[in-house]
Amino acid sequence: MKKINIALTISALFILTGCGASKDYTPPADASGEQIFSSACTECHKPLSASVAMILSEKVANKDAIIKKFQGGSMRMPAFKNIQGESADRLAEYILTNSEVR
């Protein structure tokens, strides 16, 4: 019983802390959207293929929603508050251009 409680506690910690990506990541000023995605996102969001980065729901398939999501995070995703301005725009454009919407 004690082993099950320890396993459940460890699992809960992983879920609550997100994927483990660095929340302090700041992209270089000239980084492309693909470079930012590769550095900040692929630890948890593995590209589905060479041309499809991820699948988006219709409600987040717009630039503003994507930026809000990666800057604000969620229960399982850390917030990347240092991805701002042009870098945020480039990342959002990359995600929109290279994702499927379902």
PDB file of N, CA and C in Angstrom:
ATOM      1  N   MET A   1       0.820  -1.198   0.000  1.00  0.00           N
ATOM      2  CA  MET A   1       0.000   0.000   0.000  1.00  0.00           C
ATOM      3  C   MET A   1       0.861   1.257   0.000  1.00  0.00           C
ATOM      4  N   LYS A   2       1.953   1.218   0.747  1.00  0.00           N
ATOM      5  CA  LYS A   2       2.841   2.369   0.833  1.00  0.00           C
ATOM      6  C   LYS A   2       3.472   2.671  -0.529  1.00  0.00           C
ATOM      7  N   LYS A   3       3.828   1.604  -1.277  1.00  0.00           N
ATOM      8  CA  LYS A   3       4.438   1.782  -2.603  1.00  0.00           C
ATOM      9  C   LYS A   3       3.449   2.425  -3.576  1.00  0.00           C
ATOM     10  N   ILE A   4       2.187   2.053  -3.481  1.00  0.00           N
ATOM     11  CA  ILE A   4       1.175   2.635  -4.354  1.00  0.00           C
ATOM     12  C   ILE A   4       1.012   4.118  -4.052  1.00  0.00           C
ATOM     13  N   ASN A   5       1.008   4.492  -2.791  1.00  0.00           N
ATOM     14  CA  ASN A   5       0.882   5.906  -2.410  1.00  0.00           C
ATOM     15  C   ASN A   5       2.072   6.714  -2.917  1.00  0.00           C
ATOM     16  N   ILE A   6       3.258   6.159  -2.826  1.00  0.00           N
ATOM     17  CA  ILE A   6       4.459   6.851  -3.319  1.00  0.00           C
ATOM     18  C   ILE A   6       4.371   7.020  -4.828  1.00  0.00           C
ATOM     19  N   ALA A   7       3.976   5.972  -5.542  1.00  0.00           N
ATOM     20  CA  ALA A   7       3.848   6.043  -6.998  1.00  0.00           C
ATOM     21  C   ALA A   7       2.810   7.078  -7.413  1.00  0.00           C
ATOM     22  N   LEU A   8       1.676   7.108  -6.714  1.00  0.00           N
ATOM     23  CA  LEU A   8       0.637   8.091  -7.020  1.00  0.00           C
ATOM     24  C   LEU A   8       1.112   9.513  -6.746  1.00  0.00           C
ATOM     25  N   THR A   9       1.845   9.714  -5.685  1.00  0.00           N
ATOM     26  CA  THR A   9       2.382  11.033  -5.354  1.00  0.00           C
ATOM     27  C   THR A   9       3.349  11.511  -6.429  1.00  0.00           C
ATOM     28  N   ILE A  10       4.241  10.636  -6.855  1.00  0.00           N
ATOM     29  CA  ILE A  10       5.201  10.999  -7.905  1.00  0.00           C
ATOM     30  C   ILE A  10       4.482  11.317  -9.203  1.00  0.00           C
ATOM     31  N   SER A  11       3.499  10.518  -9.568  1.00  0.00           N
ATOM     32  CA  SER A  11       2.722  10.773 -10.785  1.00  0.00           C
ATOM     33  C   SER A  11       2.026  12.122 -10.712  1.00  0.00           C
ATOM     34  N   ALA A  12       1.436  12.428  -9.579  1.00  0.00           N
ATOM     35  CA  ALA A  12       0.746  13.709  -9.408  1.00  0.00           C
ATOM     36  C   ALA A  12       1.712  14.879  -9.548  1.00  0.00           C
ATOM     37  N   LEU A  13       2.905  14.736  -9.035  1.00  0.00           N
ATOM     38  CA  LEU A  13       3.904  15.806  -9.162  1.00  0.00           C
ATOM     39  C   LEU A  13       4.250  16.076 -10.616  1.00  0.00           C
ATOM     40  N   PHE A  14       4.414  15.017 -11.409  1.00  0.00           N
ATOM     41  CA  PHE A  14       4.701  15.200 -12.827  1.00  0.00           C
ATOM     42  C   PHE A  14       3.559  15.911 -13.530  1.00  0.00           C
ATOM     43  N   ILE A  15       2.344  15.545 -13.221  1.00  0.00           N
ATOM     44  CA  ILE A  15       1.183  16.167 -13.852  1.00  0.00           C
ATOM     45  C   ILE A  15       1.076  17.633 -13.461  1.00  0.00           C
ATOM     46  N   LEU A  16       1.270  17.948 -12.203  1.00  0.00           N
ATOM     47  CA  LEU A  16       1.116  19.322 -11.733  1.00  0.00           C
ATOM     48  C   LEU A  16       2.241  20.243 -12.160  1.00  0.00           C
ATOM     49  N   THR A  17       3.435  19.711 -12.379  1.00  0.00           N
ATOM     50  CA  THR A  17       4.551  20.565 -12.750  1.00  0.00           C
ATOM     51  C   THR A  17       4.721  20.711 -14.244  1.00  0.00           C
ATOM     52  N   GLY A  18       3.928  20.040 -15.042  1.00  0.00           N
ATOM     53  CA  GLY A  18       4.042  20.162 -16.483  1.00  0.00           C
ATOM     54  C   GLY A  18       5.101  19.229 -17.015  1.00  0.00           C
ATOM     55  N   CYS A  19       5.545  19.520 -18.188  1.00  0.00           N
ATOM     56  CA  CYS A  19       6.455  18.617 -18.883  1.00  0.00           C
ATOM     57  C   CYS A  19       7.895  18.751 -18.430  1.00  0.00           C
ATOM     58  N   GLY A  20       8.225  19.773 -17.720  1.00  0.00           N
ATOM     59  CA  GLY A  20       9.588  19.936 -17.272  1.00  0.00           C
ATOM     60  C   GLY A  20      10.388  20.906 -18.124  1.00  0.00           C
ATOM     61  N   ALA A  21       9.768  21.459 -19.149  1.00  0.00           N
ATOM     62  CA  ALA A  21      10.459  22.431 -19.984  1.00  0.00           C
ATOM     63  C   ALA A  21      10.770  23.674 -19.154  1.00  0.00           C
ATOM     64  N   SER A  22      11.832  24.344 -19.505  1.00  0.00           N
ATOM     65  CA  SER A  22      12.238  25.517 -18.743  1.00  0.00           C
ATOM     66  C   SER A  22      11.287  26.674 -18.977  1.00  0.00           C
ATOM     67  N   LYS A  23      10.641  27.142 -17.930  1.00  0.00           N
ATOM     68  CA  LYS A  23       9.733  28.281 -18.023  1.00  0.00           C
ATOM     69  C   LYS A  23      10.513  29.575 -18.252  1.00  0.00           C
ATOM     70  N   ASP A  24      11.802  29.560 -17.985  1.00  0.00           N
ATOM     71  CA  ASP A  24      12.621  30.753 -18.119  1.00  0.00           C
ATOM     72  C   ASP A  24      13.241  30.881 -19.508  1.00  0.00           C
ATOM     73  N   TYR A  25      12.860  30.017 -20.441  1.00  0.00           N
ATOM     74  CA  TYR A  25      13.422  30.051 -21.786  1.00  0.00           C
ATOM     75  C   TYR A  25      13.145  31.402 -22.430  1.00  0.00           C
ATOM     76  N   THR A  26      14.193  32.018 -22.939  1.00  0.00           N
ATOM     77  CA  THR A  26      14.084  33.251 -23.710  1.00  0.00           C
ATOM     78  C   THR A  26      14.732  33.003 -25.054  1.00  0.00           C
ATOM     79  N   PRO A  27      13.974  33.106 -26.139  1.00  0.00           N
ATOM     80  CA  PRO A  27      14.548  32.828 -27.449  1.00  0.00           C
ATOM     81  C   PRO A  27      15.513  33.929 -27.880  1.00  0.00           C
ATOM     82  N   PRO A  28      16.522  33.563 -28.673  1.00  0.00           N
ATOM     83  CA  PRO A  28      17.383  34.601 -29.256  1.00  0.00           C
ATOM     84  C   PRO A  28      16.522  35.539 -30.102  1.00  0.00           C
ATOM     85  N   ALA A  29      16.907  36.785 -30.203  1.00  0.00           N
ATOM     86  CA  ALA A  29      16.111  37.794 -30.905  1.00  0.00           C
ATOM     87  C   ALA A  29      15.833  37.421 -32.358  1.00  0.00           C
ATOM     88  N   ASP A  30      16.763  36.712 -32.993  1.00  0.00           N
ATOM     89  CA  ASP A  30      16.584  36.380 -34.404  1.00  0.00           C
ATOM     90  C   ASP A  30      16.097  34.953 -34.639  1.00  0.00           C
ATOM     91  N   ALA A  31      15.648  34.266 -33.583  1.00  0.00           N
ATOM     92  CA  ALA A  31      15.203  32.877 -33.723  1.00  0.00           C
ATOM     93  C   ALA A  31      13.925  32.797 -34.556  1.00  0.00           C
ATOM     94  N   SER A  32      13.882  31.808 -35.425  1.00  0.00           N
ATOM     95  CA  SER A  32      12.675  31.584 -36.222  1.00  0.00           C
ATOM     96  C   SER A  32      11.630  30.899 -35.349  1.00  0.00           C
ATOM     97  N   GLY A  33      10.397  30.887 -35.812  1.00  0.00           N
ATOM     98  CA  GLY A  33       9.343  30.189 -35.105  1.00  0.00           C
ATOM     99  C   GLY A  33       9.659  28.714 -34.949  1.00  0.00           C
ATOM    100  N   GLU A  34      10.232  28.120 -35.984  1.00  0.00           N
ATOM    101  CA  GLU A  34      10.602  26.709 -35.917  1.00  0.00           C
ATOM    102  C   GLU A  34      11.680  26.464 -34.866  1.00  0.00           C
ATOM    103  N   GLN A  35      12.657  27.351 -34.774  1.00  0.00           N
ATOM    104  CA  GLN A  35      13.712  27.214 -33.765  1.00  0.00           C
ATOM    105  C   GLN A  35      13.141  27.353 -32.355  1.00  0.00           C
ATOM    106  N   ILE A  36      12.238  28.289 -32.160  1.00  0.00           N
ATOM    107  CA  ILE A  36      11.626  28.476 -30.846  1.00  0.00           C
ATOM    108  C   ILE A  36      10.802  27.246 -30.485  1.00  0.00           C
ATOM    109  N   PHE A  37      10.009  26.749 -31.439  1.00  0.00           N
ATOM    110  CA  PHE A  37       9.204  25.555 -31.200  1.00  0.00           C
ATOM    111  C   PHE A  37      10.103  24.381 -30.820  1.00  0.00           C
ATOM    112  N   SER A  38      11.185  24.226 -31.554  1.00  0.00           N
ATOM    113  CA  SER A  38      12.111  23.123 -31.292  1.00  0.00           C
ATOM    114  C   SER A  38      12.731  23.225 -29.901  1.00  0.00           C
ATOM    115  N   SER A  39      13.073  24.413 -29.479  1.00  0.00           N
ATOM    116  CA  SER A  39      13.724  24.607 -28.179  1.00  0.00           C
ATOM    117  C   SER A  39      12.747  24.588 -27.007  1.00  0.00           C
ATOM    118  N   ALA A  40      11.580  25.183 -27.176  1.00  0.00           N
ATOM    119  CA  ALA A  40      10.669  25.359 -26.048  1.00  0.00           C
ATOM    120  C   ALA A  40       9.532  24.341 -25.987  1.00  0.00           C
ATOM    121  N   CYS A  41       9.161  23.779 -27.121  1.00  0.00           N
ATOM    122  CA  CYS A  41       7.905  23.020 -27.162  1.00  0.00           C
ATOM    123  C   CYS A  41       8.061  21.516 -27.373  1.00  0.00           C
ATOM    124  N   THR A  42       9.110  21.094 -28.065  1.00  0.00           N
ATOM    125  CA  THR A  42       9.168  19.691 -28.484  1.00  0.00           C
ATOM    126  C   THR A  42       9.458  18.707 -27.361  1.00  0.00           C
ATOM    127  N   GLU A  43       9.822  19.175 -26.192  1.00  0.00           N
ATOM    128  CA  GLU A  43       9.991  18.246 -25.083  1.00  0.00           C
ATOM    129  C   GLU A  43       8.651  17.570 -24.764  1.00  0.00           C
ATOM    130  N   CYS A  44       7.576  18.313 -24.924  1.00  0.00           N
ATOM    131  CA  CYS A  44       6.237  17.766 -24.652  1.00  0.00           C
ATOM    132  C   CYS A  44       5.411  17.575 -25.919  1.00  0.00           C
ATOM    133  N   HIS A  45       5.597  18.450 -26.896  1.00  0.00           N
ATOM    134  CA  HIS A  45       4.816  18.418 -28.133  1.00  0.00           C
ATOM    135  C   HIS A  45       5.690  17.911 -29.272  1.00  0.00           C
ATOM    136  N   LYS A  46       5.780  16.604 -29.389  1.00  0.00           N
ATOM    137  CA  LYS A  46       6.560  16.004 -30.464  1.00  0.00           C
ATOM    138  C   LYS A  46       5.837  16.253 -31.788  1.00  0.00           C
ATOM    139  N   PRO A  47       6.556  16.725 -32.816  1.00  0.00           N
ATOM    140  CA  PRO A  47       5.908  16.907 -34.119  1.00  0.00           C
ATOM    141  C   PRO A  47       5.319  15.575 -34.605  1.00  0.00           C
ATOM    142  N   LEU A  48       4.153  15.652 -35.215  1.00  0.00           N
ATOM    143  CA  LEU A  48       3.477  14.451 -35.694  1.00  0.00           C
ATOM    144  C   LEU A  48       4.121  13.908 -36.972  1.00  0.00           C
ATOM    145  N   SER A  49       4.708  14.803 -37.759  1.00  0.00           N
ATOM    146  CA  SER A  49       5.418  14.422 -38.976  1.00  0.00           C
ATOM    147  C   SER A  49       6.328  15.584 -39.354  1.00  0.00           C
ATOM    148  N   ALA A  50       7.007  15.447 -40.476  1.00  0.00           N
ATOM    149  CA  ALA A  50       7.912  16.520 -40.906  1.00  0.00           C
ATOM    150  C   ALA A  50       7.158  17.809 -41.231  1.00  0.00           C
ATOM    151  N   SER A  51       5.875  17.693 -41.583  1.00  0.00           N
ATOM    152  CA  SER A  51       5.118  18.888 -41.960  1.00  0.00           C
ATOM    153  C   SER A  51       3.996  19.253 -40.981  1.00  0.00           C
ATOM    154  N   VAL A  52       3.791  18.435 -39.946  1.00  0.00           N
ATOM    155  CA  VAL A  52       2.715  18.711 -38.984  1.00  0.00           C
ATOM    156  C   VAL A  52       3.299  18.762 -37.577  1.00  0.00           C
ATOM    157  N   ALA A  53       3.331  19.974 -37.017  1.00  0.00           N
ATOM    158  CA  ALA A  53       3.882  20.149 -35.672  1.00  0.00           C
ATOM    159  C   ALA A  53       2.934  19.613 -34.613  1.00  0.00           C
ATOM    160  N   MET A  54       1.648  19.912 -34.758  1.00  0.00           N
ATOM    161  CA  MET A  54       0.658  19.483 -33.767  1.00  0.00           C
ATOM    162  C   MET A  54      -0.743  19.582 -34.341  1.00  0.00           C
ATOM    163  N   ILE A  55      -1.701  19.122 -33.578  1.00  0.00           N
ATOM    164  CA  ILE A  55      -3.106  19.244 -33.947  1.00  0.00           C
ATOM    165  C   ILE A  55      -3.731  20.275 -33.011  1.00  0.00           C
ATOM    166  N   LEU A  56      -4.425  21.238 -33.595  1.00  0.00           N
ATOM    167  CA  LEU A  56      -5.069  22.304 -32.825  1.00  0.00           C
ATOM    168  C   LEU A  56      -6.577  22.144 -32.871  1.00  0.00           C
ATOM    169  N   SER A  57      -7.220  22.479 -31.781  1.00  0.00           N
ATOM    170  CA  SER A  57      -8.684  22.550 -31.814  1.00  0.00           C
ATOM    171  C   SER A  57      -9.058  23.866 -32.492  1.00  0.00           C
ATOM    172  N   GLU A  58     -10.273  23.936 -33.009  1.00  0.00           N
ATOM    173  CA  GLU A  58     -10.710  25.147 -33.705  1.00  0.00           C
ATOM    174  C   GLU A  58     -10.676  26.383 -32.811  1.00  0.00           C
ATOM    175  N   LYS A  59     -10.927  26.198 -31.503  1.00  0.00           N
ATOM    176  CA  LYS A  59     -10.984  27.372 -30.621  1.00  0.00           C
ATOM    177  C   LYS A  59      -9.610  27.987 -30.355  1.00  0.00           C
ATOM    178  N   VAL A  60      -8.533  27.258 -30.571  1.00  0.00           N
ATOM    179  CA  VAL A  60      -7.198  27.843 -30.387  1.00  0.00           C
ATOM    180  C   VAL A  60      -6.435  27.968 -31.699  1.00  0.00           C
ATOM    181  N   ALA A  61      -7.129  27.822 -32.813  1.00  0.00           N
ATOM    182  CA  ALA A  61      -6.467  27.900 -34.113  1.00  0.00           C
ATOM    183  C   ALA A  61      -6.405  29.334 -34.623  1.00  0.00           C
ATOM    184  N   ASN A  62      -5.938  30.223 -33.760  1.00  0.00           N
ATOM    185  CA  ASN A  62      -5.702  31.605 -34.159  1.00  0.00           C
ATOM    186  C   ASN A  62      -4.509  32.134 -33.368  1.00  0.00           C
ATOM    187  N   LYS A  63      -3.882  33.113 -33.925  1.00  0.00           N
ATOM    188  CA  LYS A  63      -2.629  33.638 -33.374  1.00  0.00           C
ATOM    189  C   LYS A  63      -2.764  34.100 -31.922  1.00  0.00           C
ATOM    190  N   ASP A  64      -3.791  34.875 -31.626  1.00  0.00           N
ATOM    191  CA  ASP A  64      -3.956  35.404 -30.267  1.00  0.00           C
ATOM    192  C   ASP A  64      -4.147  34.296 -29.237  1.00  0.00           C
ATOM    193  N   ALA A  65      -4.948  33.290 -29.581  1.00  0.00           N
ATOM    194  CA  ALA A  65      -5.192  32.179 -28.644  1.00  0.00           C
ATOM    195  C   ALA A  65      -3.924  31.371 -28.403  1.00  0.00           C
ATOM    196  N   ILE A  66      -3.134  31.171 -29.445  1.00  0.00           N
ATOM    197  CA  ILE A  66      -1.886  30.415 -29.301  1.00  0.00           C
ATOM    198  C   ILE A  66      -0.912  31.177 -28.408  1.00  0.00           C
ATOM    199  N   ILE A  67      -0.764  32.468 -28.643  1.00  0.00           N
ATOM    200  CA  ILE A  67       0.140  33.282 -27.824  1.00  0.00           C
ATOM    201  C   ILE A  67      -0.330  33.272 -26.366  1.00  0.00           C
ATOM    202  N   LYS A  68      -1.619  33.444 -26.147  1.00  0.00           N
ATOM    203  CA  LYS A  68      -2.166  33.418 -24.782  1.00  0.00           C
ATOM    204  C   LYS A  68      -1.865  32.081 -24.109  1.00  0.00           C
ATOM    205  N   LYS A  69      -1.985  30.994 -24.866  1.00  0.00           N
ATOM    206  CA  LYS A  69      -1.764  29.656 -24.314  1.00  0.00           C
ATOM    207  C   LYS A  69      -0.310  29.465 -23.895  1.00  0.00           C
ATOM    208  N   PHE A  70       0.664  29.790 -24.759  1.00  0.00           N
ATOM    209  CA  PHE A  70       2.049  29.524 -24.353  1.00  0.00           C
ATOM    210  C   PHE A  70       2.582  30.560 -23.372  1.00  0.00           C
ATOM    211  N   GLN A  71       2.046  31.754 -23.355  1.00  0.00           N
ATOM    212  CA  GLN A  71       2.489  32.729 -22.359  1.00  0.00           C
ATOM    213  C   GLN A  71       1.832  32.496 -21.000  1.00  0.00           C
ATOM    214  N   GLY A  72       0.594  32.002 -20.999  1.00  0.00           N
ATOM    215  CA  GLY A  72      -0.128  31.794 -19.745  1.00  0.00           C
ATOM    216  C   GLY A  72      -0.035  30.386 -19.198  1.00  0.00           C
ATOM    217  N   GLY A  73       0.275  29.421 -20.070  1.00  0.00           N
ATOM    218  CA  GLY A  73       0.344  28.035 -19.638  1.00  0.00           C
ATOM    219  C   GLY A  73      -1.025  27.490 -19.286  1.00  0.00           C
ATOM    220  N   SER A  74      -1.025  26.325 -18.680  1.00  0.00           N
ATOM    221  CA  SER A  74      -2.253  25.689 -18.207  1.00  0.00           C
ATOM    222  C   SER A  74      -1.866  24.738 -17.091  1.00  0.00           C
ATOM    223  N   MET A  75      -2.790  23.943 -16.654  1.00  0.00           N
ATOM    224  CA  MET A  75      -2.506  23.050 -15.526  1.00  0.00           C
ATOM    225  C   MET A  75      -1.296  22.161 -15.796  1.00  0.00           C
ATOM    226  N   ARG A  76      -1.193  21.629 -17.009  1.00  0.00           N
ATOM    227  CA  ARG A  76      -0.094  20.714 -17.328  1.00  0.00           C
ATOM    228  C   ARG A  76       1.017  21.373 -18.138  1.00  0.00           C
ATOM    229  N   MET A  77       0.821  22.562 -18.627  1.00  0.00           N
ATOM    230  CA  MET A  77       1.816  23.223 -19.471  1.00  0.00           C
ATOM    231  C   MET A  77       2.370  24.440 -18.750  1.00  0.00           C
ATOM    232  N   PRO A  78       3.697  24.536 -18.670  1.00  0.00           N
ATOM    233  CA  PRO A  78       4.266  25.721 -18.025  1.00  0.00           C
ATOM    234  C   PRO A  78       4.033  26.969 -18.878  1.00  0.00           C
ATOM    235  N   ALA A  79       4.022  28.116 -18.256  1.00  0.00           N
ATOM    236  CA  ALA A  79       3.902  29.388 -18.965  1.00  0.00           C
ATOM    237  C   ALA A  79       5.285  29.807 -19.454  1.00  0.00           C
ATOM    238  N   PHE A  80       5.345  30.230 -20.691  1.00  0.00           N
ATOM    239  CA  PHE A  80       6.590  30.729 -21.267  1.00  0.00           C
ATOM    240  C   PHE A  80       6.456  32.241 -21.418  1.00  0.00           C
ATOM    241  N   LYS A  81       6.575  32.951 -20.300  1.00  0.00           N
ATOM    242  CA  LYS A  81       6.346  34.391 -20.262  1.00  0.00           C
ATOM    243  C   LYS A  81       7.437  35.193 -20.968  1.00  0.00           C
ATOM    244  N   ASN A  82       8.592  34.578 -21.208  1.00  0.00           N
ATOM    245  CA  ASN A  82       9.699  35.288 -21.857  1.00  0.00           C
ATOM    246  C   ASN A  82       9.632  35.226 -23.375  1.00  0.00           C
ATOM    247  N   ILE A  83       8.646  34.546 -23.918  1.00  0.00           N
ATOM    248  CA  ILE A  83       8.461  34.554 -25.372  1.00  0.00           C
ATOM    249  C   ILE A  83       7.468  35.673 -25.657  1.00  0.00           C
ATOM    250  N   GLN A  84       7.996  36.813 -26.049  1.00  0.00           N
ATOM    251  CA  GLN A  84       7.222  38.043 -26.208  1.00  0.00           C
ATOM    252  C   GLN A  84       7.451  38.660 -27.579  1.00  0.00           C
ATOM    253  N   GLY A  85       6.631  39.627 -27.921  1.00  0.00           N
ATOM    254  CA  GLY A  85       6.822  40.451 -29.109  1.00  0.00           C
ATOM    255  C   GLY A  85       6.937  39.657 -30.394  1.00  0.00           C
ATOM    256  N   GLU A  86       7.954  39.993 -31.191  1.00  0.00           N
ATOM    257  CA  GLU A  86       8.153  39.351 -32.490  1.00  0.00           C
ATOM    258  C   GLU A  86       8.412  37.857 -32.349  1.00  0.00           C
ATOM    259  N   SER A  87       9.091  37.451 -31.291  1.00  0.00           N
ATOM    260  CA  SER A  87       9.330  36.023 -31.071  1.00  0.00           C
ATOM    261  C   SER A  87       8.016  35.279 -30.861  1.00  0.00           C
ATOM    262  N   ALA A  88       7.117  35.864 -30.099  1.00  0.00           N
ATOM    263  CA  ALA A  88       5.803  35.255 -29.877  1.00  0.00           C
ATOM    264  C   ALA A  88       5.032  35.175 -31.191  1.00  0.00           C
ATOM    265  N   ASP A  89       5.099  36.231 -31.987  1.00  0.00           N
ATOM    266  CA  ASP A  89       4.422  36.232 -33.284  1.00  0.00           C
ATOM    267  C   ASP A  89       4.989  35.142 -34.200  1.00  0.00           C
ATOM    268  N   ARG A  90       6.313  35.024 -34.232  1.00  0.00           N
ATOM    269  CA  ARG A  90       6.941  34.010 -35.099  1.00  0.00           C
ATOM    270  C   ARG A  90       6.563  32.593 -34.653  1.00  0.00           C
ATOM    271  N   LEU A  91       6.546  32.355 -33.347  1.00  0.00           N
ATOM    272  CA  LEU A  91       6.176  31.033 -32.844  1.00  0.00           C
ATOM    273  C   LEU A  91       4.718  30.727 -33.179  1.00  0.00           C
ATOM    274  N   ALA A  92       3.829  31.666 -32.941  1.00  0.00           N
ATOM    275  CA  ALA A  92       2.411  31.452 -33.231  1.00  0.00           C
ATOM    276  C   ALA A  92       2.185  31.209 -34.721  1.00  0.00           C
ATOM    277  N   GLU A  93       2.850  31.966 -35.561  1.00  0.00           N
ATOM    278  CA  GLU A  93       2.723  31.771 -37.015  1.00  0.00           C
ATOM    279  C   GLU A  93       3.243  30.396 -37.430  1.00  0.00           C
ATOM    280  N   TYR A  94       4.354  29.969 -36.849  1.00  0.00           N
ATOM    281  CA  TYR A  94       4.893  28.645 -37.157  1.00  0.00           C
ATOM    282  C   TYR A  94       3.888  27.559 -36.768  1.00  0.00           C
ATOM    283  N   ILE A  95       3.337  27.680 -35.568  1.00  0.00           N
ATOM    284  CA  ILE A  95       2.372  26.679 -35.107  1.00  0.00           C
ATOM    285  C   ILE A  95       1.145  26.658 -36.007  1.00  0.00           C
ATOM    286  N   LEU A  96       0.612  27.819 -36.364  1.00  0.00           N
ATOM    287  CA  LEU A  96      -0.556  27.870 -37.233  1.00  0.00           C
ATOM    288  C   LEU A  96      -0.278  27.282 -38.616  1.00  0.00           C
ATOM    289  N   THR A  97       0.860  27.627 -39.175  1.00  0.00           N
ATOM    290  CA  THR A  97       1.205  27.186 -40.511  1.00  0.00           C
ATOM    291  C   THR A  97       1.499  25.686 -40.564  1.00  0.00           C
ATOM    292  N   ASN A  98       2.009  25.148 -39.480  1.00  0.00           N
ATOM    293  CA  ASN A  98       2.473  23.762 -39.479  1.00  0.00           C
ATOM    294  C   ASN A  98       1.633  22.842 -38.603  1.00  0.00           C
ATOM    295  N   SER A  99       0.369  23.162 -38.438  1.00  0.00           N
ATOM    296  CA  SER A  99      -0.516  22.314 -37.628  1.00  0.00           C
ATOM    297  C   SER A  99      -1.787  21.992 -38.383  1.00  0.00           C
ATOM    298  N   GLU A 100      -2.413  20.917 -37.982  1.00  0.00           N
ATOM    299  CA  GLU A 100      -3.728  20.555 -38.493  1.00  0.00           C
ATOM    300  C   GLU A 100      -4.776  21.065 -37.510  1.00  0.00           C
ATOM    301  N   VAL A 101      -5.907  21.494 -38.030  1.00  0.00           N
ATOM    302  CA  VAL A 101      -6.999  21.958 -37.174  1.00  0.00           C
ATOM    303  C   VAL A 101      -8.109  20.924 -37.239  1.00  0.00           C
ATOM    304  N   ARG A 102      -8.560  20.493 -36.071  1.00  0.00           N
ATOM    305  CA  ARG A 102      -9.656  19.503 -35.980  1.00  0.00           C
ATOM    306  C   ARG A 102     -10.683  19.957 -34.984  1.00  0.00           C
TER     307      ARG A 102
END
